Amino acid sequence: MILIASHRPYDGRAQSRGLFREQGRVAGLRPQFRRGLASRGIRVNTISSGPVVTPIWTKMTGATGDKLQAMESQIASRVPLKRVERQEEIAAAALFLASDDAAYITGVDLPVDGGVTSLGFV
């Protein structure tokens, strides 16, 4: 089982509300699921993603074109890898956690966030 959450519950800022708070609750389910399912050979891990450009950005912000590009650049400037995440990078992490290569990995939160969690903020 792979749960998808966000790095935001770890940043401790007041802005981490709503969706981000709910994603924090998702991450909080990981230990409960892991304890209950490990005896049945079911692995439970979480992927905490960083800022990802998806179509919902436009819906949430109303930004398009140059304004959307400027917003993306501003966010990327705060990420240690200096870019926003691609959806395919989250998918690759999920494929790894679901593979036999991760057969002995359970109960972990894998930050796929360009180093954001290490900073404690975005």
Protein backbone atom coordinates (compact mmCIF):
# COMPACT_ATOMS: atom_id res chain seq x y z
CA MET A 1 0.00 0.00 0.00
CA ILE A 2 1.38 3.39 -0.99
CA LEU A 3 -0.14 6.54 0.47
CA ILE A 4 0.48 9.88 -1.21
CA ALA A 5 0.84 12.88 1.07
CA SER A 6 2.62 16.23 1.02
CA HIS A 7 5.77 17.62 2.58
CA ARG A 8 3.68 20.54 3.93
CA PRO A 9 2.59 18.94 7.22
CA TYR A 10 6.28 18.89 8.16
CA ASP A 11 6.91 22.59 7.61
CA GLY A 12 5.04 23.78 10.71
CA ARG A 13 3.72 26.98 9.15
CA ALA A 14 0.27 28.35 9.81
CA GLN A 15 -0.47 28.19 6.08
CA SER A 16 -0.40 24.39 6.26
CA ARG A 17 -4.15 24.12 6.53
CA GLY A 18 -6.96 22.44 4.65
CA LEU A 19 -5.66 20.08 2.02
CA PHE A 20 -2.18 20.02 3.56
CA ARG A 21 -3.55 19.21 7.01
CA GLU A 22 -5.57 16.36 5.48
CA GLN A 23 -2.48 15.06 3.71
CA GLY A 24 -0.74 15.09 7.08
CA ARG A 25 -3.50 12.88 8.41
CA VAL A 26 -2.94 10.51 5.48
CA ALA A 27 0.73 10.27 6.45
CA GLY A 28 -0.38 9.64 10.05
CA LEU A 29 -2.31 6.56 8.95
CA ARG A 30 0.88 4.88 7.73
CA PRO A 31 2.03 3.55 11.13
CA GLN A 32 -1.45 2.26 11.97
CA PHE A 33 -1.80 0.47 8.64
CA ARG A 34 1.76 -0.85 8.85
CA ARG A 35 1.18 -2.40 12.27
CA GLY A 36 -2.11 -3.95 11.23
CA LEU A 37 -1.06 -5.26 7.84
CA ALA A 38 2.60 -6.31 8.24
CA SER A 39 1.67 -9.70 9.67
CA ARG A 40 -0.19 -10.37 6.41
CA GLY A 41 2.85 -9.44 4.33
CA ILE A 42 1.37 -6.13 3.21
CA ARG A 43 3.87 -3.29 3.10
CA VAL A 44 2.67 0.26 3.82
CA ASN A 45 4.70 3.32 2.86
CA THR A 46 4.05 6.99 2.17
CA ILE A 47 5.40 9.30 -0.50
CA SER A 48 5.52 12.94 0.57
CA SER A 49 5.75 15.07 -2.53
CA GLY A 50 6.99 18.59 -2.94
CA PRO A 51 5.60 21.29 -5.19
CA VAL A 52 4.25 19.64 -8.34
CA VAL A 53 2.89 21.44 -11.37
CA THR A 54 -0.45 19.92 -12.27
CA PRO A 55 -3.57 21.26 -14.00
CA ILE A 56 -5.12 21.96 -10.60
CA TRP A 57 -2.65 24.84 -10.10
CA THR A 58 -4.50 26.81 -12.75
CA LYS A 59 -7.86 25.95 -11.20
CA MET A 60 -6.73 26.90 -7.69
CA THR A 61 -4.94 30.12 -8.59
CA GLY A 62 -6.54 31.25 -11.83
CA ALA A 63 -3.01 31.74 -13.15
CA THR A 64 -2.23 30.90 -16.76
CA GLY A 65 0.57 31.59 -19.21
CA ASP A 66 3.21 34.01 -17.96
CA LYS A 67 1.58 34.36 -14.54
CA LEU A 68 1.63 30.60 -14.04
CA GLN A 69 5.25 30.45 -15.21
CA ALA A 70 6.21 33.23 -12.77
CA MET A 71 4.49 31.41 -9.91
CA GLU A 72 6.31 28.19 -10.82
CA SER A 73 9.65 30.02 -10.97
CA GLN A 74 9.06 31.64 -7.57
CA ILE A 75 8.29 28.28 -5.96
CA ALA A 76 11.22 26.59 -7.73
CA SER A 77 13.59 29.24 -6.35
CA ARG A 78 12.90 27.93 -2.83
CA VAL A 79 13.52 24.27 -3.68
CA PRO A 80 17.11 23.06 -3.22
CA LEU A 81 17.06 21.45 -6.69
CA LYS A 82 15.74 24.77 -8.11
CA ARG A 83 12.77 23.31 -9.97
CA VAL A 84 9.31 22.00 -9.26
CA GLU A 85 8.59 18.31 -9.27
CA ARG A 86 7.15 16.40 -12.21
CA GLN A 87 4.27 13.96 -11.71
CA GLU A 88 6.40 11.26 -13.31
CA GLU A 89 8.91 11.53 -10.44
CA ILE A 90 6.22 10.64 -7.91
CA ALA A 91 5.12 7.76 -10.14
CA ALA A 92 8.70 6.47 -10.34
CA ALA A 93 8.99 6.49 -6.54
CA ALA A 94 5.68 4.64 -6.25
CA LEU A 95 6.82 2.04 -8.79
CA PHE A 96 9.99 1.50 -6.77
CA LEU A 97 8.08 1.09 -3.49
CA ALA A 98 5.70 -1.37 -5.18
CA SER A 99 8.53 -3.38 -6.72
CA ASP A 100 10.43 -6.42 -5.48
CA ASP A 101 13.44 -4.11 -5.03
CA ALA A 102 11.58 -2.61 -2.05
CA ALA A 103 10.34 -5.94 -0.68
CA TYR A 104 11.85 -5.29 2.77
CA ILE A 105 10.77 -1.65 3.03
CA THR A 106 7.70 -0.88 5.09
CA GLY A 107 6.58 1.93 7.36
CA VAL A 108 8.66 4.66 5.72
CA ASP A 109 7.84 8.11 4.47
CA LEU A 110 9.79 8.72 1.28
CA PRO A 111 10.19 12.46 0.64
CA VAL A 112 10.17 13.03 -3.11
CA ASP A 113 10.41 16.78 -2.81
CA GLY A 114 13.66 18.09 -4.25
CA GLY A 115 15.10 18.53 -0.76
CA VAL A 116 12.30 20.73 0.62
CA THR A 117 11.73 18.63 3.74
CA SER A 118 15.37 19.06 4.71
CA LEU A 119 14.84 22.83 4.82
CA GLY A 120 11.74 22.71 6.99
CA PHE A 121 9.84 25.14 4.75
CA VAL A 122 8.88 26.11 1.22
